[in-house]
Amino acid sequence: MSGKGKNIEIDIEKEPDVEKDNNIEENSDDKQITVSKVAAVNLELERFKSEQLNEAGISLHLTDNQENKLSSLLYDHRGAFESDKEPLGAIIVHEADIILNIERPYPPLLRRPAYPASPKSREALEIHIKELLDLGLIRKVGHNEEVEIATLVIVAWNNGKSRMVGNFRALNTYTVPDRYPIPKIQIALTKISQAVYISTMDALKVFHQNVVTPRARKYLRIIVHCGVYEYLRMPFGIKNAPSHFQRMMNEIFPEELSEGWLIIYIDDIIGCSKTW
């Protein structure tokens, strides 16, 4: 039987040797427990395959053996993949920082009032704020904390669905740029064109997995009708977020990148090989 990517052999003798083992019933119970455990593992693996692998986009051109091996590999590392039951993961190679090229007092446009919003938009904002609080991505700023920088947040609507958008243009204007290089697309395409097997993954809520420094939190405050909040993780729309994430990913996979079979473009991860 196959469970969690490992071959599990169950040796059940047809004719137990009474002289070697005087406690046949006890051994039978042990074997029954082993069989039950293996059956439970295989049942869980089949459930995982039916519920999760359909969304993984596994190629229809794989052989049954290849598909089973890949399924077991993904099952073994299922904790690394998105789950509604688990909190969002964090990559803490080093915290993301923001450095400004200006001194106090900060320009007025870095401290904006809450944007006037319709009742519908205010309701949507409150829902989005609660989601971010529940995920641990933001915290509410206390009344006794000085707020020198606060970014305007609005709600954008598309096909009846709302999306919270932070206007970080002013903050980006005064941010010292991080010029860490981003890979060139053409080089990635060349490597992909030479591969027989290609595996692609991307990071869930990419920048939200970046923990930010205490200094950066003070710069990443947002203001809405229901209060002032600060990001504990990197939000979208920040000038240096792509460079910082690229640096972290390169530091996590140095050997794989040097071997040439792994491509990382910010949060897109591509494995390329000529053999299985």
C-alpha atoms as a PDB file:
ATOM      1  CA  MET A   1       0.000   0.000   0.000  1.00  0.00           C
ATOM      2  CA  SER A   2       1.057   3.570  -0.472  1.00  0.00           C
ATOM      3  CA  GLY A   3       0.562   6.196   2.231  1.00  0.00           C
ATOM      4  CA  LYS A   4       2.030   9.674   2.545  1.00  0.00           C
ATOM      5  CA  GLY A   5       4.494   8.948  -0.233  1.00  0.00           C
ATOM      6  CA  LYS A   6       6.081   5.930   1.505  1.00  0.00           C
ATOM      7  CA  ASN A   7       5.705   2.243   0.693  1.00  0.00           C
ATOM      8  CA  ILE A   8       4.165   0.489   3.671  1.00  0.00           C
ATOM      9  CA  GLU A   9       4.525  -3.283   3.683  1.00  0.00           C
ATOM     10  CA  ILE A  10       2.221  -5.377   5.851  1.00  0.00           C
ATOM     11  CA  ASP A  11       3.423  -8.896   6.459  1.00  0.00           C
ATOM     12  CA  ILE A  12       0.527 -11.079   7.596  1.00  0.00           C
ATOM     13  CA  GLU A  13       1.437 -14.750   7.852  1.00  0.00           C
ATOM     14  CA  LYS A  14      -1.133 -17.230   6.652  1.00  0.00           C
ATOM     15  CA  GLU A  15      -0.045 -19.856   9.208  1.00  0.00           C
ATOM     16  CA  PRO A  16       1.404 -18.341  12.393  1.00  0.00           C
ATOM     17  CA  ASP A  17       4.142 -20.348  14.096  1.00  0.00           C
ATOM     18  CA  VAL A  18       2.771 -21.140  17.562  1.00  0.00           C
ATOM     19  CA  GLU A  19       6.181 -22.159  18.897  1.00  0.00           C
ATOM     20  CA  LYS A  20       7.729 -18.786  17.981  1.00  0.00           C
ATOM     21  CA  ASP A  21       4.875 -16.782  19.311  1.00  0.00           C
ATOM     22  CA  ASN A  22       2.672 -17.952  22.120  1.00  0.00           C
ATOM     23  CA  ASN A  23       0.453 -14.910  21.969  1.00  0.00           C
ATOM     24  CA  ILE A  24      -1.200 -15.159  18.563  1.00  0.00           C
ATOM     25  CA  GLU A  25      -4.265 -13.198  19.547  1.00  0.00           C
ATOM     26  CA  GLU A  26      -2.175 -10.238  20.734  1.00  0.00           C
ATOM     27  CA  ASN A  27      -0.183 -10.223  17.473  1.00  0.00           C
ATOM     28  CA  SER A  28      -3.395 -10.369  15.491  1.00  0.00           C
ATOM     29  CA  ASP A  29      -4.662  -7.332  17.345  1.00  0.00           C
ATOM     30  CA  ASP A  30      -1.419  -5.464  16.588  1.00  0.00           C
ATOM     31  CA  LYS A  31      -1.689  -6.353  12.909  1.00  0.00           C
ATOM     32  CA  GLN A  32      -5.301  -5.256  12.845  1.00  0.00           C
ATOM     33  CA  ILE A  33      -4.312  -1.895  14.349  1.00  0.00           C
ATOM     34  CA  THR A  34      -1.559  -1.533  11.727  1.00  0.00           C
ATOM     35  CA  VAL A  35      -3.993  -2.325   8.928  1.00  0.00           C
ATOM     36  CA  SER A  36      -6.475   0.193  10.343  1.00  0.00           C
ATOM     37  CA  LYS A  37      -3.818   2.914  10.525  1.00  0.00           C
ATOM     38  CA  VAL A  38      -2.702   2.282   6.952  1.00  0.00           C
ATOM     39  CA  ALA A  39      -6.315   2.297   5.783  1.00  0.00           C
ATOM     40  CA  ALA A  40      -6.896   5.628   7.554  1.00  0.00           C
ATOM     41  CA  VAL A  41      -3.797   7.146   5.932  1.00  0.00           C
ATOM     42  CA  ASN A  42      -4.842   5.947   2.496  1.00  0.00           C
ATOM     43  CA  LEU A  43      -8.378   7.239   3.037  1.00  0.00           C
ATOM     44  CA  GLU A  44      -6.998  10.646   4.005  1.00  0.00           C
ATOM     45  CA  LEU A  45      -4.726  10.611   0.947  1.00  0.00           C
ATOM     46  CA  GLU A  46      -7.653   9.789  -1.339  1.00  0.00           C
ATOM     47  CA  ARG A  47      -9.698  12.586   0.230  1.00  0.00           C
ATOM     48  CA  PHE A  48      -6.792  14.981  -0.284  1.00  0.00           C
ATOM     49  CA  LYS A  49      -6.488  13.923  -3.913  1.00  0.00           C
ATOM     50  CA  SER A  50     -10.186  14.363  -4.630  1.00  0.00           C
ATOM     51  CA  GLU A  51     -10.597  17.694  -2.811  1.00  0.00           C
ATOM     52  CA  GLN A  52      -7.264  19.463  -3.305  1.00  0.00           C
ATOM     53  CA  LEU A  53      -5.472  18.049  -6.333  1.00  0.00           C
ATOM     54  CA  ASN A  54      -8.265  18.973  -8.701  1.00  0.00           C
ATOM     55  CA  GLU A  55      -7.329  22.593  -8.020  1.00  0.00           C
ATOM     56  CA  ALA A  56      -3.602  21.947  -8.418  1.00  0.00           C
ATOM     57  CA  GLY A  57      -3.785  21.675 -12.201  1.00  0.00           C
ATOM     58  CA  ILE A  58      -1.890  18.380 -12.570  1.00  0.00           C
ATOM     59  CA  SER A  59      -1.135  17.535 -16.181  1.00  0.00           C
ATOM     60  CA  LEU A  60      -3.304  14.882 -17.809  1.00  0.00           C
ATOM     61  CA  HIS A  61      -0.215  13.594 -19.642  1.00  0.00           C
ATOM     62  CA  LEU A  62       1.399  12.079 -16.538  1.00  0.00           C
ATOM     63  CA  THR A  63       1.428   8.322 -16.124  1.00  0.00           C
ATOM     64  CA  ASP A  64      -0.508   6.785 -13.239  1.00  0.00           C
ATOM     65  CA  ASN A  65       2.768   6.117 -11.424  1.00  0.00           C
ATOM     66  CA  GLN A  66       3.935   9.713 -11.867  1.00  0.00           C
ATOM     67  CA  GLU A  67       0.599  11.087 -10.727  1.00  0.00           C
ATOM     68  CA  ASN A  68       0.615   8.885  -7.617  1.00  0.00           C
ATOM     69  CA  LYS A  69       4.156   9.966  -6.719  1.00  0.00           C
ATOM     70  CA  LEU A  70       3.284  13.618  -7.198  1.00  0.00           C
ATOM     71  CA  SER A  71       0.090  13.236  -5.170  1.00  0.00           C
ATOM     72  CA  SER A  72       2.012  11.655  -2.295  1.00  0.00           C
ATOM     73  CA  LEU A  73       4.663  14.394  -2.440  1.00  0.00           C
ATOM     74  CA  LEU A  74       2.053  17.138  -2.267  1.00  0.00           C
ATOM     75  CA  TYR A  75       0.244  15.321   0.530  1.00  0.00           C
ATOM     76  CA  ASP A  76       3.455  15.063   2.567  1.00  0.00           C
ATOM     77  CA  HIS A  77       3.907  18.835   2.278  1.00  0.00           C
ATOM     78  CA  ARG A  78       0.242  19.822   2.416  1.00  0.00           C
ATOM     79  CA  GLY A  79       0.943  22.198   5.295  1.00  0.00           C
ATOM     80  CA  ALA A  80       2.806  24.474   2.887  1.00  0.00           C
ATOM     81  CA  PHE A  81      -0.286  25.067   0.784  1.00  0.00           C
ATOM     82  CA  GLU A  82      -3.293  27.319   1.212  1.00  0.00           C
ATOM     83  CA  SER A  83      -5.872  26.288   3.762  1.00  0.00           C
ATOM     84  CA  ASP A  84      -8.898  28.189   4.996  1.00  0.00           C
ATOM     85  CA  LYS A  85      -8.429  26.513   8.373  1.00  0.00           C
ATOM     86  CA  GLU A  86      -4.890  27.815   8.932  1.00  0.00           C
ATOM     87  CA  PRO A  87      -3.620  31.377   9.500  1.00  0.00           C
ATOM     88  CA  LEU A  88      -1.604  33.023   6.745  1.00  0.00           C
ATOM     89  CA  GLY A  89       2.041  32.012   6.922  1.00  0.00           C
ATOM     90  CA  ALA A  90       4.907  34.451   7.406  1.00  0.00           C
ATOM     91  CA  ILE A  91       8.341  34.511   5.789  1.00  0.00           C
ATOM     92  CA  ILE A  92      10.760  35.852   8.370  1.00  0.00           C
ATOM     93  CA  VAL A  93      14.153  35.727   6.668  1.00  0.00           C
ATOM     94  CA  HIS A  94      14.387  39.357   7.692  1.00  0.00           C
ATOM     95  CA  GLU A  95      11.705  41.967   8.317  1.00  0.00           C
ATOM     96  CA  ALA A  96      10.816  44.417   5.577  1.00  0.00           C
ATOM     97  CA  ASP A  97      11.796  47.992   6.349  1.00  0.00           C
ATOM     98  CA  ILE A  98      10.914  51.378   4.902  1.00  0.00           C
ATOM     99  CA  ILE A  99      13.413  54.253   4.959  1.00  0.00           C
ATOM    100  CA  LEU A 100      12.319  57.780   4.108  1.00  0.00           C
ATOM    101  CA  ASN A 101      14.547  60.366   2.455  1.00  0.00           C
ATOM    102  CA  ILE A 102      13.055  63.248   4.456  1.00  0.00           C
ATOM    103  CA  GLU A 103      13.193  64.389   8.070  1.00  0.00           C
ATOM    104  CA  ARG A 104      10.471  65.486  10.464  1.00  0.00           C
ATOM    105  CA  PRO A 105       8.207  67.360  10.271  1.00  0.00           C
ATOM    106  CA  TYR A 106       6.753  65.325   7.449  1.00  0.00           C
ATOM    107  CA  PRO A 107       4.927  66.973   4.520  1.00  0.00           C
ATOM    108  CA  PRO A 108       1.164  67.395   5.026  1.00  0.00           C
ATOM    109  CA  LEU A 109       0.315  65.042   2.171  1.00  0.00           C
ATOM    110  CA  LEU A 110       1.696  62.141   4.244  1.00  0.00           C
ATOM    111  CA  ARG A 111      -1.034  62.745   6.814  1.00  0.00           C
ATOM    112  CA  ARG A 112      -4.382  62.536   5.064  1.00  0.00           C
ATOM    113  CA  PRO A 113      -7.884  62.627   6.545  1.00  0.00           C
ATOM    114  CA  ALA A 114     -10.312  59.773   6.021  1.00  0.00           C
ATOM    115  CA  TYR A 115     -11.871  59.812   2.578  1.00  0.00           C
ATOM    116  CA  PRO A 116     -15.622  60.572   2.441  1.00  0.00           C
ATOM    117  CA  ALA A 117     -17.438  57.368   1.569  1.00  0.00           C
ATOM    118  CA  SER A 118     -20.995  56.299   0.898  1.00  0.00           C
ATOM    119  CA  PRO A 119     -22.800  54.072   3.428  1.00  0.00           C
ATOM    120  CA  LYS A 120     -22.272  51.124   1.083  1.00  0.00           C
ATOM    121  CA  SER A 121     -18.527  51.769   0.853  1.00  0.00           C
ATOM    122  CA  ARG A 122     -18.210  52.306   4.605  1.00  0.00           C
ATOM    123  CA  GLU A 123     -19.888  48.973   5.216  1.00  0.00           C
ATOM    124  CA  ALA A 124     -17.523  47.288   2.752  1.00  0.00           C
ATOM    125  CA  LEU A 125     -14.521  48.953   4.403  1.00  0.00           C
ATOM    126  CA  GLU A 126     -15.548  47.661   7.807  1.00  0.00           C
ATOM    127  CA  ILE A 127     -15.773  44.130   6.399  1.00  0.00           C
ATOM    128  CA  HIS A 128     -12.303  44.376   4.845  1.00  0.00           C
ATOM    129  CA  ILE A 129     -10.808  45.851   8.015  1.00  0.00           C
ATOM    130  CA  LYS A 130     -12.267  43.000  10.085  1.00  0.00           C
ATOM    131  CA  GLU A 131     -10.819  40.438   7.685  1.00  0.00           C
ATOM    132  CA  LEU A 132      -7.355  41.988   7.982  1.00  0.00           C
ATOM    133  CA  LEU A 133      -7.647  42.105  11.770  1.00  0.00           C
ATOM    134  CA  ASP A 134      -8.741  38.466  11.915  1.00  0.00           C
ATOM    135  CA  LEU A 135      -5.781  37.461   9.727  1.00  0.00           C
ATOM    136  CA  GLY A 136      -3.398  39.353  11.991  1.00  0.00           C
ATOM    137  CA  LEU A 137      -2.257  41.600   9.152  1.00  0.00           C
ATOM    138  CA  ILE A 138      -3.146  44.897  10.841  1.00  0.00           C
ATOM    139  CA  ARG A 139      -3.796  46.285  14.319  1.00  0.00           C
ATOM    140  CA  LYS A 140      -5.750  49.301  15.515  1.00  0.00           C
ATOM    141  CA  VAL A 141      -3.648  52.300  16.563  1.00  0.00           C
ATOM    142  CA  GLY A 142      -4.374  53.488  20.096  1.00  0.00           C
ATOM    143  CA  HIS A 143      -5.755  56.964  20.834  1.00  0.00           C
ATOM    144  CA  ASN A 144      -2.595  57.889  22.741  1.00  0.00           C
ATOM    145  CA  GLU A 145      -0.272  57.020  19.836  1.00  0.00           C
ATOM    146  CA  GLU A 146       0.948  59.874  17.675  1.00  0.00           C
ATOM    147  CA  VAL A 147       0.024  59.486  14.023  1.00  0.00           C
ATOM    148  CA  GLU A 148       2.426  61.374  11.761  1.00  0.00           C
ATOM    149  CA  ILE A 149       1.769  59.401   8.585  1.00  0.00           C
ATOM    150  CA  ALA A 150      -1.576  57.978   7.499  1.00  0.00           C
ATOM    151  CA  THR A 151      -2.494  56.768   4.028  1.00  0.00           C
ATOM    152  CA  LEU A 152      -5.846  57.295   2.425  1.00  0.00           C
ATOM    153  CA  VAL A 153      -7.872  54.117   1.838  1.00  0.00           C
ATOM    154  CA  ILE A 154     -10.835  53.795  -0.497  1.00  0.00           C
ATOM    155  CA  VAL A 155     -13.074  51.040  -1.795  1.00  0.00           C
ATOM    156  CA  ALA A 156     -12.962  50.086  -5.460  1.00  0.00           C
ATOM    157  CA  TRP A 157     -15.926  48.283  -6.968  1.00  0.00           C
ATOM    158  CA  ASN A 158     -15.760  45.804  -9.845  1.00  0.00           C
ATOM    159  CA  ASN A 159     -18.757  43.753 -10.975  1.00  0.00           C
ATOM    160  CA  GLY A 160     -20.442  44.309  -7.641  1.00  0.00           C
ATOM    161  CA  LYS A 161     -17.424  43.138  -5.622  1.00  0.00           C
ATOM    162  CA  SER A 162     -15.489  45.497  -3.366  1.00  0.00           C
ATOM    163  CA  ARG A 163     -11.740  45.790  -2.922  1.00  0.00           C
ATOM    164  CA  MET A 164      -9.868  47.929  -0.393  1.00  0.00           C
ATOM    165  CA  VAL A 165      -7.200  50.059  -2.042  1.00  0.00           C
ATOM    166  CA  GLY A 166      -4.496  52.059  -0.268  1.00  0.00           C
ATOM    167  CA  ASN A 167      -3.149  55.158  -1.998  1.00  0.00           C
ATOM    168  CA  PHE A 168       0.537  54.871  -1.084  1.00  0.00           C
ATOM    169  CA  ARG A 169       1.819  57.197  -3.820  1.00  0.00           C
ATOM    170  CA  ALA A 170       2.865  59.946  -1.402  1.00  0.00           C
ATOM    171  CA  LEU A 171       4.700  57.476   0.833  1.00  0.00           C
ATOM    172  CA  ASN A 172       6.427  55.926  -2.183  1.00  0.00           C
ATOM    173  CA  THR A 173       7.585  59.375  -3.320  1.00  0.00           C
ATOM    174  CA  TYR A 174       9.607  59.827  -0.128  1.00  0.00           C
ATOM    175  CA  THR A 175      10.813  56.219   0.168  1.00  0.00           C
ATOM    176  CA  VAL A 176      14.479  55.413  -0.454  1.00  0.00           C
ATOM    177  CA  PRO A 177      14.401  52.915  -3.352  1.00  0.00           C
ATOM    178  CA  ASP A 178      15.629  49.346  -2.953  1.00  0.00           C
ATOM    179  CA  ARG A 179      17.366  48.531  -6.237  1.00  0.00           C
ATOM    180  CA  TYR A 180      17.674  44.791  -5.719  1.00  0.00           C
ATOM    181  CA  PRO A 181      17.414  43.239  -9.215  1.00  0.00           C
ATOM    182  CA  ILE A 182      14.285  41.492 -10.434  1.00  0.00           C
ATOM    183  CA  PRO A 183      14.921  38.612 -12.909  1.00  0.00           C
ATOM    184  CA  LYS A 184      14.414  39.291 -16.592  1.00  0.00           C
ATOM    185  CA  ILE A 185      11.389  37.578 -18.102  1.00  0.00           C
ATOM    186  CA  GLN A 186      13.242  36.628 -21.294  1.00  0.00           C
ATOM    187  CA  ILE A 187      15.815  34.563 -19.372  1.00  0.00           C
ATOM    188  CA  ALA A 188      13.016  32.693 -17.608  1.00  0.00           C
ATOM    189  CA  LEU A 189      11.244  32.001 -20.898  1.00  0.00           C
ATOM    190  CA  THR A 190      14.445  30.578 -22.388  1.00  0.00           C
ATOM    191  CA  LYS A 191      14.843  28.112 -19.501  1.00  0.00           C
ATOM    192  CA  ILE A 192      11.197  27.108 -19.684  1.00  0.00           C
ATOM    193  CA  SER A 193      11.418  26.439 -23.425  1.00  0.00           C
ATOM    194  CA  GLN A 194      14.155  23.851 -22.815  1.00  0.00           C
ATOM    195  CA  ALA A 195      12.259  21.942 -20.119  1.00  0.00           C
ATOM    196  CA  VAL A 196      10.221  18.742 -20.463  1.00  0.00           C
ATOM    197  CA  TYR A 197       8.582  18.945 -17.036  1.00  0.00           C
ATOM    198  CA  ILE A 198       7.417  22.267 -15.604  1.00  0.00           C
ATOM    199  CA  SER A 199       5.993  22.871 -12.128  1.00  0.00           C
ATOM    200  CA  THR A 200       4.555  26.252 -11.177  1.00  0.00           C
ATOM    201  CA  MET A 201       3.549  27.676  -7.808  1.00  0.00           C
ATOM    202  CA  ASP A 202       2.881  31.102  -6.411  1.00  0.00           C
ATOM    203  CA  ALA A 203       2.839  32.545  -2.910  1.00  0.00           C
ATOM    204  CA  LEU A 204      -0.561  33.170  -1.339  1.00  0.00           C
ATOM    205  CA  LYS A 205      -1.222  36.873  -0.707  1.00  0.00           C
ATOM    206  CA  VAL A 206       2.409  37.381  -1.597  1.00  0.00           C
ATOM    207  CA  PHE A 207       3.429  40.593   0.205  1.00  0.00           C
ATOM    208  CA  HIS A 208       1.147  39.896   3.172  1.00  0.00           C
ATOM    209  CA  GLN A 209       3.590  37.129   4.121  1.00  0.00           C
ATOM    210  CA  ASN A 210       6.285  39.765   4.761  1.00  0.00           C
ATOM    211  CA  VAL A 211       6.564  40.877   8.380  1.00  0.00           C
ATOM    212  CA  VAL A 212       7.536  44.568   8.610  1.00  0.00           C
ATOM    213  CA  THR A 213       9.762  46.369  11.117  1.00  0.00           C
ATOM    214  CA  PRO A 214       8.324  48.530  13.931  1.00  0.00           C
ATOM    215  CA  ARG A 215       9.550  51.605  12.049  1.00  0.00           C
ATOM    216  CA  ALA A 216       7.812  50.538   8.854  1.00  0.00           C
ATOM    217  CA  ARG A 217       4.556  49.962  10.748  1.00  0.00           C
ATOM    218  CA  LYS A 218       4.394  53.651  11.645  1.00  0.00           C
ATOM    219  CA  TYR A 219       4.701  54.508   7.953  1.00  0.00           C
ATOM    220  CA  LEU A 220       2.121  51.903   6.952  1.00  0.00           C
ATOM    221  CA  ARG A 221      -0.806  53.370   8.810  1.00  0.00           C
ATOM    222  CA  ILE A 222      -4.132  53.683   7.053  1.00  0.00           C
ATOM    223  CA  ILE A 223      -7.016  55.919   7.992  1.00  0.00           C
ATOM    224  CA  VAL A 224     -10.693  55.125   7.513  1.00  0.00           C
ATOM    225  CA  HIS A 225     -13.944  56.388   8.999  1.00  0.00           C
ATOM    226  CA  CYS A 226     -13.738  53.844  11.836  1.00  0.00           C
ATOM    227  CA  GLY A 227     -10.205  54.627  12.974  1.00  0.00           C
ATOM    228  CA  VAL A 228      -6.485  54.400  12.230  1.00  0.00           C
ATOM    229  CA  TYR A 229      -4.800  51.033  11.687  1.00  0.00           C
ATOM    230  CA  GLU A 230      -1.255  49.983  10.937  1.00  0.00           C
ATOM    231  CA  TYR A 231      -0.022  47.073   8.869  1.00  0.00           C
ATOM    232  CA  LEU A 232       1.996  44.368  10.607  1.00  0.00           C
ATOM    233  CA  ARG A 233       2.680  42.772   7.221  1.00  0.00           C
ATOM    234  CA  MET A 234       3.589  44.396   3.926  1.00  0.00           C
ATOM    235  CA  PRO A 235       0.534  45.702   2.035  1.00  0.00           C
ATOM    236  CA  PHE A 236       0.182  45.842  -1.727  1.00  0.00           C
ATOM    237  CA  GLY A 237       1.235  49.030  -3.493  1.00  0.00           C
ATOM    238  CA  ILE A 238       4.467  49.686  -1.582  1.00  0.00           C
ATOM    239  CA  LYS A 239       7.434  50.785  -3.684  1.00  0.00           C
ATOM    240  CA  ASN A 240      10.052  48.307  -2.485  1.00  0.00           C
ATOM    241  CA  ALA A 241       7.794  45.323  -1.771  1.00  0.00           C
ATOM    242  CA  PRO A 242       8.747  43.386  -4.961  1.00  0.00           C
ATOM    243  CA  SER A 243      12.493  43.886  -4.420  1.00  0.00           C
ATOM    244  CA  HIS A 244      12.299  42.823  -0.789  1.00  0.00           C
ATOM    245  CA  PHE A 245      10.296  39.686  -1.591  1.00  0.00           C
ATOM    246  CA  GLN A 246      12.653  38.761  -4.439  1.00  0.00           C
ATOM    247  CA  ARG A 247      15.651  39.086  -2.115  1.00  0.00           C
ATOM    248  CA  MET A 248      14.034  36.850   0.499  1.00  0.00           C
ATOM    249  CA  MET A 249      13.124  34.152  -2.016  1.00  0.00           C
ATOM    250  CA  ASN A 250      16.654  34.161  -3.434  1.00  0.00           C
ATOM    251  CA  GLU A 251      18.059  33.741   0.081  1.00  0.00           C
ATOM    252  CA  ILE A 252      15.700  30.832   0.793  1.00  0.00           C
ATOM    253  CA  PHE A 253      16.590  28.865  -2.380  1.00  0.00           C
ATOM    254  CA  PRO A 254      20.261  29.687  -3.150  1.00  0.00           C
ATOM    255  CA  GLU A 255      21.323  26.146  -4.116  1.00  0.00           C
ATOM    256  CA  GLU A 256      18.305  25.472  -6.318  1.00  0.00           C
ATOM    257  CA  LEU A 257      18.786  28.769  -8.130  1.00  0.00           C
ATOM    258  CA  SER A 258      22.507  28.137  -8.677  1.00  0.00           C
ATOM    259  CA  GLU A 259      21.734  24.689 -10.111  1.00  0.00           C
ATOM    260  CA  GLY A 260      19.627  26.429 -12.728  1.00  0.00           C
ATOM    261  CA  TRP A 261      16.432  24.378 -12.598  1.00  0.00           C
ATOM    262  CA  LEU A 262      14.467  26.780 -10.386  1.00  0.00           C
ATOM    263  CA  ILE A 263      13.155  30.151 -11.524  1.00  0.00           C
ATOM    264  CA  ILE A 264      11.749  32.701  -9.086  1.00  0.00           C
ATOM    265  CA  TYR A 265      10.067  35.865 -10.258  1.00  0.00           C
ATOM    266  CA  ILE A 266       8.941  37.624  -7.077  1.00  0.00           C
ATOM    267  CA  ASP A 267       6.173  35.240  -5.912  1.00  0.00           C
ATOM    268  CA  ASP A 268       6.062  33.001  -8.995  1.00  0.00           C
ATOM    269  CA  ILE A 269       8.096  29.813  -8.556  1.00  0.00           C
ATOM    270  CA  ILE A 270       8.844  27.629 -11.576  1.00  0.00           C
ATOM    271  CA  GLY A 271      10.663  24.314 -11.558  1.00  0.00           C
ATOM    272  CA  CYS A 272      12.074  23.207 -14.928  1.00  0.00           C
ATOM    273  CA  SER A 273      13.663  19.844 -15.720  1.00  0.00           C
ATOM    274  CA  LYS A 274      14.266  17.495 -18.626  1.00  0.00           C
ATOM    275  CA  THR A 275      13.701  14.338 -16.556  1.00  0.00           C
ATOM    276  CA  TRP A 276      11.065  13.235 -14.064  1.00  0.00           C
END
